[in-house]
C-alpha cells in the first residue's frame, strides 16, 4: 500500500463507492470477512486499513475492525475521491530533480503542486509531469493511475519525494516504507513553543468522526491507527517556533494532527485552525503583523526537508537534504525581527 505521509484529502468529503445491505438471514460475521466475500480483488489487509481509516461505516456510524455484521445492516464504503479514469495526461511541467539514475528519481516539490490527479485536480500534478518526462514508470497494485509513486505529500507542503523508475525500485522502496526504514524529517513553523522542547508523540490518528475531511488524534487508541512523530525545537521565537519532525509512521496529515493535539498547531494551517492568532497579544499591531506573515506564506508552514533510503540495487544508503523554500525563510526572518524589536 502506498505510503501516505502528509496526504491532502478531498475538501468536499468522501464519495460513496459501495453500498451493501446484509440479508435478513445474515449470520454474525466479522466485517472484514464479510467484505472479503463481496469486494473482488481487494485484500483483507486493505479492507482492515480502510476500516481503521474510517472509510467503512455501518448504518451511518464508524465501526471497529472486530464489528460483526447483523441482518439488514447497511455497509457503505466511501473514499476521498470519486471513481476515476486511470489514464494520465502527460504535461510538460518542469521538475526540480535532486537526484536521478536508472532506478530512482528524487524531486523537490514546490508548494501548491498536487502530487497526483484526483477530484478537482486532474491536471498540473507531479504525476502529469512525470508521465511527460519519463515513459513506462511502474504502478503499485491498487494505485493505478499514479505511476512511479510510493509516497505522497500535501499539495501545500513542499519538499522531497522519491519516485520509482523500475519495478525493482518500486518493490524495494515500498518495503522500506512498510518497514519504517525510510528516514524522513520535516521542518515546520508552529504556534507556541512545544513543552518539552524535544519529545515523541505516540498517539493514534484517524479520520474525525465528526468531519471526515480532517485527521484527529485518538489518545485512547480506540479509533485510528498507530502514529509516531519525533520532534524537537530548532528555534524559539516566543510566539512561534521552528521545529523538526522525524516521521516513524506516515499517516494522513500525521504531523498536522499531532502538532494540533499537543497545542502547537502548524502556522497558517487553515484546515486545523492555524490561520488564526493562537499565541501572542490582542494588540492590533501584532494582529496586523501576523496577517502580513500569513500573506508571505499562504499555506501551512510545512516542508519535507530530508529523505534517506537504501538504493534498490546498490544497497547503498542515500541521504538528501533540501533548502527551506523562500516563503519559509522570509516568514522566519520576519518573526526573528519582530521578537528582536518588540
Protein backbone atom coordinates (compact mmCIF):
# COMPACT_ATOMS: atom_id res chain seq x y z
CA UNK A 1 0.00 0.00 0.00
CA UNK A 2 1.27 3.46 -0.87
CA UNK A 3 2.78 5.41 1.98
CA UNK A 4 0.52 8.35 2.69
CA UNK A 5 2.79 10.76 4.54
CA UNK A 6 1.11 14.15 4.96
CA UNK A 7 -1.55 13.48 2.33
CA UNK A 8 -4.20 16.04 1.43
CA UNK A 9 -7.79 14.79 1.38
CA UNK A 10 -10.55 15.90 -0.93
CA UNK A 11 -12.05 19.05 0.57
CA UNK A 12 -15.56 18.04 -0.44
CA UNK A 13 -15.52 14.97 1.84
CA UNK A 14 -15.90 11.31 0.86
CA UNK A 15 -17.52 9.72 -2.17
CA UNK A 16 -19.61 6.57 -1.89
CA UNK A 17 -18.13 3.64 -3.85
CA UNK A 18 -20.08 0.67 -2.49
CA UNK A 19 -23.34 0.22 -0.57
CA UNK A 20 -24.15 -3.28 0.66
CA UNK A 21 -27.25 -4.32 2.61
CA UNK A 22 -26.92 -7.50 4.66
CA UNK A 23 -29.59 -10.14 4.07
CA UNK A 24 -32.33 -10.87 6.60
CA UNK A 25 -30.74 -14.24 7.29
CA UNK A 26 -27.18 -12.91 7.66
CA UNK A 27 -25.30 -14.71 10.44
CA UNK A 28 -22.99 -12.73 12.73
CA UNK A 29 -19.72 -12.33 10.80
CA UNK A 30 -16.70 -10.04 11.23
CA UNK A 31 -16.95 -7.04 8.90
CA UNK A 32 -13.59 -7.74 7.19
CA UNK A 33 -14.56 -11.33 6.34
CA UNK A 34 -17.99 -10.13 5.18
CA UNK A 35 -16.46 -7.60 2.80
CA UNK A 36 -13.81 -10.04 1.54
CA UNK A 37 -16.63 -12.11 0.01
CA UNK A 38 -18.23 -9.12 -1.68
CA UNK A 39 -15.37 -6.93 -2.93
CA UNK A 40 -13.39 -8.54 -5.76
CA UNK A 41 -9.62 -8.01 -5.98
CA UNK A 42 -9.40 -6.33 -2.55
CA UNK A 43 -7.10 -7.83 0.10
CA UNK A 44 -8.16 -8.35 3.70
CA UNK A 45 -5.38 -6.04 4.94
CA UNK A 46 -6.63 -3.26 2.65
CA UNK A 47 -10.16 -3.75 4.00
CA UNK A 48 -8.86 -3.61 7.58
CA UNK A 49 -6.87 -0.44 6.82
CA UNK A 50 -9.99 1.10 5.28
CA UNK A 51 -11.95 0.34 8.46
CA UNK A 52 -9.18 1.88 10.61
CA UNK A 53 -9.15 4.98 8.40
CA UNK A 54 -12.92 5.46 8.65
CA UNK A 55 -13.74 4.60 5.04
CA UNK A 56 -16.28 1.96 6.14
CA UNK A 57 -19.46 2.78 8.03
CA UNK A 58 -22.35 0.59 9.20
CA UNK A 59 -25.74 2.23 9.50
CA UNK A 60 -24.01 5.64 9.10
CA UNK A 61 -21.69 5.04 12.08
CA UNK A 62 -17.94 4.41 12.33
CA UNK A 63 -17.07 0.90 13.44
CA UNK A 64 -14.16 -1.05 14.89
CA UNK A 65 -12.44 -3.85 12.91
CA UNK A 66 -13.98 -6.56 15.13
CA UNK A 67 -17.56 -5.40 14.41
CA UNK A 68 -19.87 -8.28 13.48
CA UNK A 69 -22.37 -7.75 10.67
CA UNK A 70 -26.04 -8.17 11.61
CA UNK A 71 -29.10 -8.80 9.40
CA UNK A 72 -30.22 -5.70 7.49
CA UNK A 73 -27.03 -3.75 8.27
CA UNK A 74 -26.23 -1.10 5.66
CA UNK A 75 -22.49 -1.12 4.94
CA UNK A 76 -21.08 1.83 2.98
CA UNK A 77 -17.54 2.11 1.63
CA UNK A 78 -16.53 5.71 0.84
CA UNK A 79 -13.25 7.12 -0.45
CA UNK A 80 -11.77 10.65 -0.68
CA UNK A 81 -12.29 10.80 -4.44
CA UNK A 82 -14.83 9.53 -6.94
CA UNK A 83 -14.19 6.53 -9.18
CA UNK A 84 -11.70 7.76 -11.73
CA UNK A 85 -10.25 7.15 -15.14
CA UNK A 86 -6.73 5.83 -14.62
CA UNK A 87 -5.39 7.37 -17.83
CA UNK A 88 -2.99 10.21 -17.00
CA UNK A 89 -2.43 13.05 -19.46
CA UNK A 90 1.29 13.87 -19.86
CA UNK A 91 2.05 17.58 -19.34
CA UNK A 92 5.27 19.49 -19.98
CA UNK A 93 5.77 20.76 -16.42
CA UNK A 94 9.35 21.40 -15.21
CA UNK A 95 10.65 19.15 -12.43
CA UNK A 96 13.16 20.16 -9.75
CA UNK A 97 15.28 16.99 -9.87
CA UNK A 98 17.66 16.49 -6.93
CA UNK A 99 18.96 13.05 -7.94
CA UNK A 100 18.38 10.61 -10.77
CA UNK A 101 19.71 7.30 -12.00
CA UNK A 102 18.12 4.45 -13.95
CA UNK A 103 16.17 3.20 -10.91
CA UNK A 104 15.10 6.16 -8.78
CA UNK A 105 14.34 9.85 -9.00
CA UNK A 106 14.30 12.35 -6.13
CA UNK A 107 12.39 15.57 -6.71
CA UNK A 108 11.87 18.71 -4.64
CA UNK A 109 8.17 19.55 -4.92
CA UNK A 110 7.10 23.18 -4.92
CA UNK A 111 4.26 24.24 -2.59
CA UNK A 112 0.93 24.36 -4.39
CA UNK A 113 1.61 21.38 -6.66
CA UNK A 114 -0.72 18.40 -6.23
CA UNK A 115 1.13 15.08 -6.29
CA UNK A 116 -1.34 13.01 -8.32
CA UNK A 117 -4.54 13.59 -10.32
CA UNK A 118 -7.65 13.46 -8.18
CA UNK A 119 -11.02 15.12 -7.77
CA UNK A 120 -10.82 18.84 -8.69
CA UNK A 121 -7.13 18.42 -9.63
CA UNK A 122 -6.99 16.32 -12.79
CA UNK A 123 -4.11 18.25 -14.37
CA UNK A 124 -0.99 20.17 -13.41
CA UNK A 125 0.12 17.50 -10.96
CA UNK A 126 3.51 15.92 -10.30
CA UNK A 127 2.28 12.69 -11.94
CA UNK A 128 1.25 14.59 -15.09
CA UNK A 129 4.81 15.95 -15.22
CA UNK A 130 6.38 12.53 -14.55
CA UNK A 131 4.46 10.84 -17.37
CA UNK A 132 5.67 13.54 -19.78
CA UNK A 133 9.35 13.29 -18.84
CA UNK A 134 9.51 9.51 -18.24
CA UNK A 135 7.97 6.57 -20.06
CA UNK A 136 6.83 3.25 -18.61
CA UNK A 137 7.01 4.16 -14.93
CA UNK A 138 5.76 1.28 -12.75
CA UNK A 139 2.50 1.42 -10.80
CA UNK A 140 1.76 -0.07 -7.40
CA UNK A 141 -1.07 -2.58 -7.31
CA UNK A 142 -4.22 -0.80 -6.18
CA UNK A 143 -2.84 2.63 -7.13
CA UNK A 144 -3.32 2.55 -10.87
CA UNK A 145 -3.05 5.97 -12.49
CA UNK A 146 -0.24 7.04 -10.14
CA UNK A 147 2.92 5.86 -11.94
CA UNK A 148 6.17 5.98 -10.00
CA UNK A 149 4.61 6.99 -6.69
CA UNK A 150 5.45 5.16 -3.48
CA UNK A 151 4.54 8.03 -1.11
CA UNK A 152 2.83 11.40 -1.24
CA UNK A 153 2.79 14.78 0.50
CA UNK A 154 0.18 17.52 0.65
CA UNK A 155 -0.46 19.98 -2.13
CA UNK A 156 0.66 22.87 0.10
CA UNK A 157 3.58 21.03 1.69
CA UNK A 158 6.89 21.48 -0.09
CA UNK A 159 9.86 19.16 -0.18
CA UNK A 160 11.45 15.87 -1.16
CA UNK A 161 9.78 12.87 -2.77
CA UNK A 162 11.36 9.68 -4.13
CA UNK A 163 9.96 8.24 -7.37
CA UNK A 164 10.43 4.64 -8.53
CA UNK A 165 11.50 4.30 -12.17
CA UNK A 166 11.55 0.48 -12.26
CA UNK A 167 9.54 -2.40 -10.81
CA UNK A 168 12.59 -3.43 -8.76
CA UNK A 169 12.83 0.07 -7.28
CA UNK A 170 9.11 0.21 -6.54
CA UNK A 171 9.14 -3.12 -4.71
CA UNK A 172 12.23 -2.16 -2.69
CA UNK A 173 11.02 1.32 -1.74
CA UNK A 174 7.51 0.11 -0.87
CA UNK A 175 9.03 -2.46 1.51
CA UNK A 176 11.27 0.16 3.10
CA UNK A 177 8.26 2.42 3.74
CA UNK A 178 6.32 -0.55 5.13
CA UNK A 179 9.24 -1.44 7.42
CA UNK A 180 9.63 2.23 8.52
CA UNK A 181 13.29 2.15 7.47
CA UNK A 182 12.94 5.24 5.25
CA UNK A 183 14.30 8.31 7.06
CA UNK A 184 12.22 11.46 6.69
CA UNK A 185 12.40 14.75 8.53
CA UNK A 186 10.15 17.75 8.12
CA UNK A 187 10.62 21.36 9.21
CA UNK A 188 7.55 23.22 10.42
CA UNK A 189 6.71 26.58 11.93
CA UNK A 190 4.22 26.03 14.75
CA UNK A 191 2.31 28.27 17.13
CA UNK A 192 3.94 28.47 20.56
CA UNK A 193 6.87 26.50 21.94
CA UNK A 194 6.35 22.74 22.40
CA UNK A 195 6.88 21.62 26.00
CA UNK A 196 9.11 19.70 26.40
CA UNK A 197 11.21 21.16 23.58
CA UNK A 198 12.08 17.64 22.39
CA UNK A 199 9.89 14.57 22.56
CA UNK A 200 7.88 11.82 20.90
CA UNK A 201 4.16 11.87 20.14
CA UNK A 202 2.83 8.30 20.08
CA UNK A 203 -0.90 8.78 19.63
CA UNK A 204 -3.30 7.12 17.21
CA UNK A 205 -4.62 9.30 14.40
CA UNK A 206 -7.54 8.77 12.04
CA UNK A 207 -10.42 10.49 10.32
CA UNK A 208 -12.53 12.65 12.59
CA UNK A 209 -15.84 11.01 13.46
CA UNK A 210 -17.50 14.44 13.09
CA UNK A 211 -15.73 15.78 9.99
CA UNK A 212 -14.36 13.12 7.64
CA UNK A 213 -12.17 15.69 5.83
CA UNK A 214 -9.73 16.06 8.71
CA UNK A 215 -7.48 13.82 10.77
CA UNK A 216 -7.63 13.89 14.57
CA UNK A 217 -5.79 12.26 17.44
CA UNK A 218 -7.38 9.38 19.37
CA UNK A 219 -5.33 9.29 22.61
CA UNK A 220 -7.33 6.35 23.95
CA UNK A 221 -6.36 4.33 20.88
CA UNK A 222 -9.97 3.25 20.30
CA UNK A 223 -10.00 4.52 16.70
CA UNK A 224 -7.42 5.38 14.07
CA UNK A 225 -4.02 3.82 13.54
CA UNK A 226 -0.66 3.91 15.31
CA UNK A 227 1.20 7.15 14.55
CA UNK A 228 4.62 8.16 15.90
CA UNK A 229 6.27 11.57 15.43
CA UNK A 230 9.59 12.57 17.00
CA UNK A 231 10.01 16.35 17.27
CA UNK A 232 12.48 18.92 18.57
CA UNK A 233 12.53 22.71 18.69
CA UNK A 234 15.18 24.25 16.43
CA UNK A 235 14.40 27.92 17.09
CA UNK A 236 12.32 29.57 19.84
CA UNK A 237 10.69 32.79 18.63
CA UNK A 238 8.44 33.40 21.65
CA UNK A 239 5.11 33.24 19.79
CA UNK A 240 6.09 30.63 17.21
CA UNK A 241 8.90 28.12 16.85
CA UNK A 242 10.74 26.32 14.09
CA UNK A 243 10.65 22.59 14.76
CA UNK A 244 11.98 19.42 13.20
CA UNK A 245 9.71 16.38 12.96
CA UNK A 246 11.01 12.91 12.22
CA UNK A 247 8.35 10.51 10.98
CA UNK A 248 8.36 6.94 12.20
CA UNK A 249 4.98 6.25 10.59
CA UNK A 250 3.38 8.10 7.70
CA UNK A 251 -0.34 8.59 8.26
CA UNK A 252 -2.60 11.06 6.51
CA UNK A 253 -1.94 14.56 7.97
CA UNK A 254 0.06 12.94 10.79
CA UNK A 255 2.28 15.90 11.68
CA UNK A 256 -0.57 18.37 11.32
CA UNK A 257 -2.87 16.36 13.60
CA UNK A 258 -0.15 15.54 16.15
CA UNK A 259 1.01 19.15 16.49
CA UNK A 260 -2.56 20.35 16.97
CA UNK A 261 -3.05 17.63 19.58
CA UNK A 262 -0.15 18.89 21.73
CA UNK A 263 -1.31 22.51 21.36
CA UNK A 264 1.20 23.67 18.75
CA UNK A 265 -0.80 23.87 15.53
CA UNK A 266 1.20 24.45 12.35
CA UNK A 267 1.37 28.13 11.37
CA UNK A 268 -1.26 29.13 8.78
CA UNK A 269 -2.67 25.60 8.55
CA UNK A 270 -6.22 26.62 7.69
CA UNK A 271 -7.58 23.05 7.88
CA UNK A 272 -6.52 22.74 11.53
CA UNK A 273 -7.10 26.31 12.73
CA UNK A 274 -3.54 27.56 12.37
CA UNK A 275 -4.69 30.53 10.29
CA UNK A 276 -5.89 32.24 13.47
CA UNK A 277 -3.77 34.04 16.08
CA UNK A 278 -3.19 31.23 18.58
CA UNK A 279 -0.35 32.76 20.62
CA UNK A 280 0.53 36.36 21.46
CA UNK A 281 -1.14 39.63 22.35
CA UNK A 282 -4.50 41.11 21.38
CA UNK A 283 -2.99 44.38 20.15
CA UNK A 284 -3.96 45.35 16.62
CA UNK A 285 -0.32 45.97 15.67
CA UNK A 286 0.53 42.35 16.46
CA UNK A 287 -2.56 41.08 14.62
CA UNK A 288 -1.52 43.08 11.56
CA UNK A 289 1.98 41.64 11.74
CA UNK A 290 0.60 38.07 11.84
CA UNK A 291 -1.72 38.80 8.90
CA UNK A 292 1.30 40.02 6.93
CA UNK A 293 3.11 36.79 7.77
CA UNK A 294 0.11 34.78 6.55
CA UNK A 295 0.38 36.63 3.23
CA UNK A 296 4.09 35.79 2.96
CA UNK A 297 3.42 32.05 3.45
CA UNK A 298 -0.17 31.49 2.29
CA UNK A 299 -0.11 27.77 3.19
CA UNK A 300 0.69 25.50 6.12
CA UNK A 301 4.34 26.07 7.07
CA UNK A 302 5.49 22.50 6.49
CA UNK A 303 8.45 21.30 4.41
CA UNK A 304 9.72 17.75 3.76
CA UNK A 305 13.36 18.63 4.32
CA UNK A 306 15.36 15.40 4.31
CA UNK A 307 14.94 11.94 2.83
CA UNK A 308 17.07 8.83 3.28
CA UNK A 309 16.64 5.36 1.80
CA UNK A 310 18.61 2.30 0.71
CA UNK A 311 19.20 2.24 -3.04
CA UNK A 312 17.24 -0.70 -4.51
CA UNK A 313 20.17 -2.17 -6.45
CA UNK A 314 23.44 -0.87 -4.96
CA UNK A 315 22.14 -1.24 -1.37
CA UNK A 316 23.95 2.00 -0.56
CA UNK A 317 22.13 4.29 1.88
CA UNK A 318 21.39 7.61 0.17
CA UNK A 319 20.55 10.81 2.05
CA UNK A 320 19.20 14.04 0.61
CA UNK A 321 18.64 17.46 2.14
CA UNK A 322 16.78 20.46 0.76
CA UNK A 323 16.80 24.17 1.47
CA UNK A 324 13.79 25.75 3.07
CA UNK A 325 11.63 27.46 0.40
CA UNK A 326 11.79 31.25 0.08
CA UNK A 327 8.37 31.82 1.70
CA UNK A 328 9.52 29.77 4.71
CA UNK A 329 12.79 31.69 5.07
CA UNK A 330 11.11 35.08 4.62
CA UNK A 331 8.46 34.49 7.29
CA UNK A 332 11.13 33.19 9.72
CA UNK A 333 13.13 36.38 9.17
CA UNK A 334 10.04 38.48 9.86
CA UNK A 335 9.42 36.66 13.18
CA UNK A 336 13.08 36.99 14.20
CA UNK A 337 12.97 40.75 13.62
CA UNK A 338 9.63 41.09 15.42
CA UNK A 339 10.90 39.28 18.53
CA UNK A 340 14.14 41.27 18.45
CA UNK A 341 12.48 44.70 18.37
CA UNK A 342 9.27 44.11 20.33
